[in-house]
Amino acid sequence: MKLARVVGIVMAALLLTTPAFAETAGAGGGMDRGLIALAAGLGLGLAAFGAALGQGRATAAAMESIGRNPNSADRVFTPLIVGLALMEALALYALVIAFSLSGRM
């Protein structure tokens, strides 16, 4: 049931992106522009989704650890912040790559 819903959402998203291919072939490459823009947007969305999932799980695990042992809060806090910063950096790298791809159009 859940797999069918995910497949349906993916198929709907693919059908809704077909207007990106309806661009006229003017100066600048035609279909390549649409594909680059589609790849940049899709890559950025996946990176942001992955970073959000990772940050949520890391924060939940840290809060559960502190809840079980409140004396460990000072030892858990610093690695948590470093881990969250590294996850956010990966999402920012995807943003930079998306901007560089969009600049090639």
N, C-alpha and C. Protein backbone atom coordinates (compact mmCIF):
# COMPACT_ATOMS: atom_id res chain seq x y z
N MET A 1 0.83 -1.19 0.00
CA MET A 1 0.00 0.00 0.00
C MET A 1 0.87 1.25 0.00
N LYS A 2 1.86 1.25 0.90
CA LYS A 2 2.73 2.42 0.99
C LYS A 2 3.58 2.55 -0.27
N LEU A 3 4.07 1.42 -0.80
CA LEU A 3 4.88 1.45 -2.01
C LEU A 3 4.07 1.94 -3.20
N ALA A 4 2.82 1.54 -3.28
CA ALA A 4 1.96 1.98 -4.37
C ALA A 4 1.74 3.49 -4.30
N ARG A 5 1.62 4.03 -3.11
CA ARG A 5 1.43 5.47 -2.96
C ARG A 5 2.69 6.22 -3.40
N VAL A 6 3.87 5.71 -3.02
CA VAL A 6 5.12 6.36 -3.40
C VAL A 6 5.31 6.31 -4.91
N VAL A 7 5.02 5.16 -5.51
CA VAL A 7 5.14 5.03 -6.96
C VAL A 7 4.16 5.98 -7.65
N GLY A 8 2.97 6.12 -7.12
CA GLY A 8 2.00 7.04 -7.69
C GLY A 8 2.45 8.49 -7.61
N ILE A 9 3.04 8.86 -6.50
CA ILE A 9 3.53 10.24 -6.35
C ILE A 9 4.68 10.50 -7.31
N VAL A 10 5.59 9.54 -7.45
CA VAL A 10 6.72 9.71 -8.37
C VAL A 10 6.22 9.81 -9.80
N MET A 11 5.27 8.99 -10.17
CA MET A 11 4.73 9.05 -11.53
C MET A 11 4.02 10.37 -11.79
N ALA A 12 3.27 10.86 -10.80
CA ALA A 12 2.61 12.15 -10.96
C ALA A 12 3.62 13.27 -11.11
N ALA A 13 4.70 13.21 -10.35
CA ALA A 13 5.74 14.24 -10.46
C ALA A 13 6.40 14.19 -11.82
N LEU A 14 6.65 13.00 -12.33
CA LEU A 14 7.25 12.89 -13.66
C LEU A 14 6.32 13.39 -14.75
N LEU A 15 5.03 13.16 -14.61
CA LEU A 15 4.09 13.65 -15.61
C LEU A 15 3.92 15.17 -15.54
N LEU A 16 4.08 15.73 -14.36
CA LEU A 16 3.93 17.18 -14.24
C LEU A 16 5.16 17.93 -14.72
N THR A 17 6.30 17.25 -14.85
CA THR A 17 7.51 17.93 -15.31
C THR A 17 7.65 17.93 -16.82
N THR A 18 6.72 17.33 -17.55
CA THR A 18 6.83 17.30 -19.01
C THR A 18 6.77 18.69 -19.65
N PRO A 19 6.13 19.72 -19.08
CA PRO A 19 6.22 21.04 -19.72
C PRO A 19 7.63 21.59 -19.77
N ALA A 20 8.55 21.08 -18.99
CA ALA A 20 9.94 21.53 -19.08
C ALA A 20 10.55 21.17 -20.42
N PHE A 21 10.05 20.13 -21.05
CA PHE A 21 10.56 19.71 -22.34
C PHE A 21 9.86 20.41 -23.50
N ALA A 22 8.86 21.23 -23.25
CA ALA A 22 8.11 21.90 -24.29
C ALA A 22 8.73 23.23 -24.69
N GLU A 23 9.94 23.47 -24.25
CA GLU A 23 10.61 24.73 -24.55
C GLU A 23 11.02 24.76 -26.02
N THR A 24 10.91 25.94 -26.63
CA THR A 24 11.33 26.06 -28.02
C THR A 24 12.85 26.08 -28.08
N ALA A 25 13.39 25.61 -29.17
CA ALA A 25 14.84 25.53 -29.32
C ALA A 25 15.36 26.87 -29.80
N GLY A 26 15.58 27.78 -28.86
CA GLY A 26 16.13 29.07 -29.20
C GLY A 26 17.63 29.07 -29.00
N ALA A 27 18.19 30.25 -28.89
CA ALA A 27 19.63 30.37 -28.66
C ALA A 27 19.95 29.90 -27.25
N GLY A 28 20.85 28.97 -27.13
CA GLY A 28 21.25 28.54 -25.81
C GLY A 28 21.17 27.04 -25.60
N GLY A 29 20.70 26.28 -26.56
CA GLY A 29 20.81 24.85 -26.39
C GLY A 29 19.51 24.08 -26.40
N GLY A 30 18.36 24.70 -26.28
CA GLY A 30 17.10 23.99 -26.39
C GLY A 30 16.82 23.07 -25.23
N MET A 31 16.77 21.77 -25.50
CA MET A 31 16.36 20.79 -24.51
C MET A 31 17.37 20.67 -23.36
N ASP A 32 18.64 20.93 -23.63
CA ASP A 32 19.65 20.82 -22.59
C ASP A 32 19.39 21.78 -21.43
N ARG A 33 18.89 22.95 -21.74
CA ARG A 33 18.59 23.92 -20.68
C ARG A 33 17.55 23.39 -19.72
N GLY A 34 16.50 22.80 -20.26
CA GLY A 34 15.45 22.25 -19.42
C GLY A 34 15.92 21.09 -18.58
N LEU A 35 16.75 20.24 -19.17
CA LEU A 35 17.27 19.09 -18.42
C LEU A 35 18.21 19.53 -17.31
N ILE A 36 19.05 20.53 -17.58
CA ILE A 36 19.96 21.03 -16.55
C ILE A 36 19.18 21.65 -15.41
N ALA A 37 18.16 22.43 -15.73
CA ALA A 37 17.35 23.04 -14.68
C ALA A 37 16.60 21.99 -13.88
N LEU A 38 16.10 20.98 -14.56
CA LEU A 38 15.40 19.89 -13.88
C LEU A 38 16.34 19.12 -12.96
N ALA A 39 17.55 18.84 -13.44
CA ALA A 39 18.53 18.12 -12.62
C ALA A 39 18.96 18.95 -11.42
N ALA A 40 19.14 20.25 -11.60
CA ALA A 40 19.55 21.11 -10.49
C ALA A 40 18.46 21.17 -9.42
N GLY A 41 17.23 21.34 -9.84
CA GLY A 41 16.13 21.40 -8.87
C GLY A 41 15.90 20.07 -8.17
N LEU A 42 15.97 18.98 -8.91
CA LEU A 42 15.78 17.67 -8.31
C LEU A 42 16.90 17.33 -7.35
N GLY A 43 18.13 17.62 -7.75
CA GLY A 43 19.27 17.36 -6.86
C GLY A 43 19.22 18.17 -5.59
N LEU A 44 18.84 19.43 -5.70
CA LEU A 44 18.74 20.28 -4.51
C LEU A 44 17.62 19.80 -3.59
N GLY A 45 16.51 19.40 -4.16
CA GLY A 45 15.41 18.89 -3.34
C GLY A 45 15.77 17.61 -2.61
N LEU A 46 16.44 16.69 -3.30
CA LEU A 46 16.86 15.45 -2.66
C LEU A 46 17.89 15.70 -1.56
N ALA A 47 18.82 16.62 -1.81
CA ALA A 47 19.83 16.93 -0.79
C ALA A 47 19.20 17.56 0.44
N ALA A 48 18.26 18.47 0.23
CA ALA A 48 17.59 19.10 1.37
C ALA A 48 16.75 18.08 2.14
N PHE A 49 16.10 17.18 1.43
CA PHE A 49 15.30 16.15 2.08
C PHE A 49 16.18 15.21 2.90
N GLY A 50 17.30 14.80 2.33
CA GLY A 50 18.21 13.91 3.04
C GLY A 50 18.82 14.57 4.26
N ALA A 51 19.20 15.84 4.13
CA ALA A 51 19.77 16.55 5.27
C ALA A 51 18.74 16.74 6.38
N ALA A 52 17.51 17.02 6.00
CA ALA A 52 16.46 17.19 7.01
C ALA A 52 16.18 15.89 7.75
N LEU A 53 16.16 14.77 7.01
CA LEU A 53 15.96 13.48 7.67
C LEU A 53 17.11 13.16 8.62
N GLY A 54 18.33 13.39 8.18
CA GLY A 54 19.49 13.12 9.02
C GLY A 54 19.51 13.98 10.27
N GLN A 55 19.20 15.25 10.11
CA GLN A 55 19.19 16.15 11.26
C GLN A 55 18.09 15.77 12.24
N GLY A 56 16.96 15.38 11.73
CA GLY A 56 15.87 14.97 12.62
C GLY A 56 16.21 13.73 13.41
N ARG A 57 16.80 12.76 12.73
CA ARG A 57 17.17 11.52 13.43
C ARG A 57 18.29 11.75 14.44
N ALA A 58 19.27 12.57 14.07
CA ALA A 58 20.37 12.84 15.00
C ALA A 58 19.87 13.59 16.24
N THR A 59 19.00 14.56 16.03
CA THR A 59 18.47 15.32 17.15
C THR A 59 17.59 14.43 18.04
N ALA A 60 16.79 13.58 17.43
CA ALA A 60 15.94 12.68 18.21
C ALA A 60 16.79 11.71 19.04
N ALA A 61 17.86 11.20 18.45
CA ALA A 61 18.73 10.28 19.18
C ALA A 61 19.43 11.00 20.33
N ALA A 62 19.86 12.23 20.10
CA ALA A 62 20.53 12.99 21.16
C ALA A 62 19.56 13.30 22.30
N MET A 63 18.34 13.69 21.95
CA MET A 63 17.36 14.00 23.00
C MET A 63 16.98 12.75 23.79
N GLU A 64 16.90 11.61 23.11
CA GLU A 64 16.60 10.37 23.81
C GLU A 64 17.75 9.99 24.75
N SER A 65 18.97 10.20 24.28
CA SER A 65 20.13 9.90 25.11
C SER A 65 20.17 10.80 26.34
N ILE A 66 19.89 12.08 26.16
CA ILE A 66 19.88 13.02 27.30
C ILE A 66 18.72 12.69 28.23
N GLY A 67 17.60 12.25 27.67
CA GLY A 67 16.46 11.89 28.50
C GLY A 67 16.74 10.68 29.37
N ARG A 68 17.49 9.74 28.82
CA ARG A 68 17.82 8.54 29.60
C ARG A 68 18.91 8.81 30.64
N ASN A 69 19.85 9.68 30.29
CA ASN A 69 20.94 9.99 31.20
C ASN A 69 21.20 11.50 31.16
N PRO A 70 20.54 12.28 31.99
CA PRO A 70 20.69 13.73 31.94
C PRO A 70 22.11 14.22 32.23
N ASN A 71 22.92 13.42 32.90
CA ASN A 71 24.29 13.84 33.19
C ASN A 71 25.17 13.84 31.94
N SER A 72 24.73 13.19 30.87
CA SER A 72 25.54 13.14 29.66
C SER A 72 25.24 14.28 28.69
N ALA A 73 24.46 15.25 29.10
CA ALA A 73 24.06 16.33 28.20
C ALA A 73 25.25 17.13 27.70
N ASP A 74 26.23 17.39 28.56
CA ASP A 74 27.38 18.18 28.14
C ASP A 74 28.29 17.41 27.18
N ARG A 75 28.30 16.07 27.29
CA ARG A 75 29.13 15.26 26.39
C ARG A 75 28.42 14.99 25.06
N VAL A 76 27.13 15.10 25.01
CA VAL A 76 26.37 14.83 23.79
C VAL A 76 26.21 16.10 22.95
N PHE A 77 26.20 17.25 23.59
CA PHE A 77 25.86 18.50 22.91
C PHE A 77 26.86 18.85 21.81
N THR A 78 28.14 18.82 22.10
CA THR A 78 29.15 19.23 21.12
C THR A 78 29.17 18.32 19.89
N PRO A 79 29.21 16.99 20.05
CA PRO A 79 29.15 16.16 18.83
C PRO A 79 27.85 16.33 18.05
N LEU A 80 26.76 16.62 18.74
CA LEU A 80 25.49 16.85 18.05
C LEU A 80 25.59 18.08 17.17
N ILE A 81 26.11 19.17 17.71
CA ILE A 81 26.22 20.41 16.93
C ILE A 81 27.17 20.23 15.74
N VAL A 82 28.28 19.53 15.96
CA VAL A 82 29.22 19.28 14.85
C VAL A 82 28.56 18.43 13.77
N GLY A 83 27.84 17.40 14.18
CA GLY A 83 27.15 16.56 13.21
C GLY A 83 26.09 17.31 12.44
N LEU A 84 25.32 18.15 13.12
CA LEU A 84 24.30 18.95 12.43
C LEU A 84 24.93 19.93 11.45
N ALA A 85 26.06 20.51 11.83
CA ALA A 85 26.74 21.45 10.93
C ALA A 85 27.26 20.73 9.68
N LEU A 86 27.78 19.53 9.84
CA LEU A 86 28.27 18.78 8.69
C LEU A 86 27.12 18.36 7.77
N MET A 87 25.98 18.00 8.35
CA MET A 87 24.83 17.65 7.52
C MET A 87 24.33 18.86 6.74
N GLU A 88 24.31 20.01 7.39
CA GLU A 88 23.88 21.23 6.72
C GLU A 88 24.87 21.62 5.63
N ALA A 89 26.16 21.36 5.86
CA ALA A 89 27.17 21.67 4.85
C ALA A 89 26.94 20.84 3.58
N LEU A 90 26.52 19.59 3.74
CA LEU A 90 26.24 18.77 2.56
C LEU A 90 25.08 19.35 1.75
N ALA A 91 24.07 19.86 2.43
CA ALA A 91 22.95 20.48 1.71
C ALA A 91 23.41 21.77 1.02
N LEU A 92 24.30 22.51 1.65
CA LEU A 92 24.82 23.73 1.03
C LEU A 92 25.70 23.41 -0.17
N TYR A 93 26.44 22.31 -0.12
CA TYR A 93 27.22 21.89 -1.28
C TYR A 93 26.29 21.60 -2.46
N ALA A 94 25.17 20.98 -2.20
CA ALA A 94 24.20 20.72 -3.26
C ALA A 94 23.64 22.02 -3.83
N LEU A 95 23.44 23.01 -2.96
CA LEU A 95 22.97 24.32 -3.43
C LEU A 95 24.00 24.97 -4.35
N VAL A 96 25.26 24.90 -3.98
CA VAL A 96 26.32 25.48 -4.81
C VAL A 96 26.39 24.76 -6.15
N ILE A 97 26.27 23.45 -6.14
CA ILE A 97 26.30 22.69 -7.39
C ILE A 97 25.09 23.04 -8.26
N ALA A 98 23.92 23.19 -7.64
CA ALA A 98 22.73 23.57 -8.41
C ALA A 98 22.89 24.95 -9.03
N PHE A 99 23.46 25.89 -8.27
CA PHE A 99 23.68 27.23 -8.82
C PHE A 99 24.71 27.19 -9.96
N SER A 100 25.75 26.38 -9.80
CA SER A 100 26.75 26.32 -10.87
C SER A 100 26.17 25.66 -12.12
N LEU A 101 25.31 24.66 -11.96
CA LEU A 101 24.65 24.07 -13.12
C LEU A 101 23.72 25.07 -13.79
N SER A 102 23.02 25.85 -13.00
CA SER A 102 22.08 26.83 -13.57
C SER A 102 22.84 27.94 -14.28
N GLY A 103 24.04 28.23 -13.84
CA GLY A 103 24.84 29.27 -14.48
C GLY A 103 25.34 28.87 -15.85
N ARG A 104 25.37 27.58 -16.17
CA ARG A 104 25.83 27.10 -17.46
C ARG A 104 24.79 27.21 -18.55
N MET A 105 23.56 27.59 -18.18
CA MET A 105 22.48 27.63 -19.17
C MET A 105 22.66 28.77 -20.14
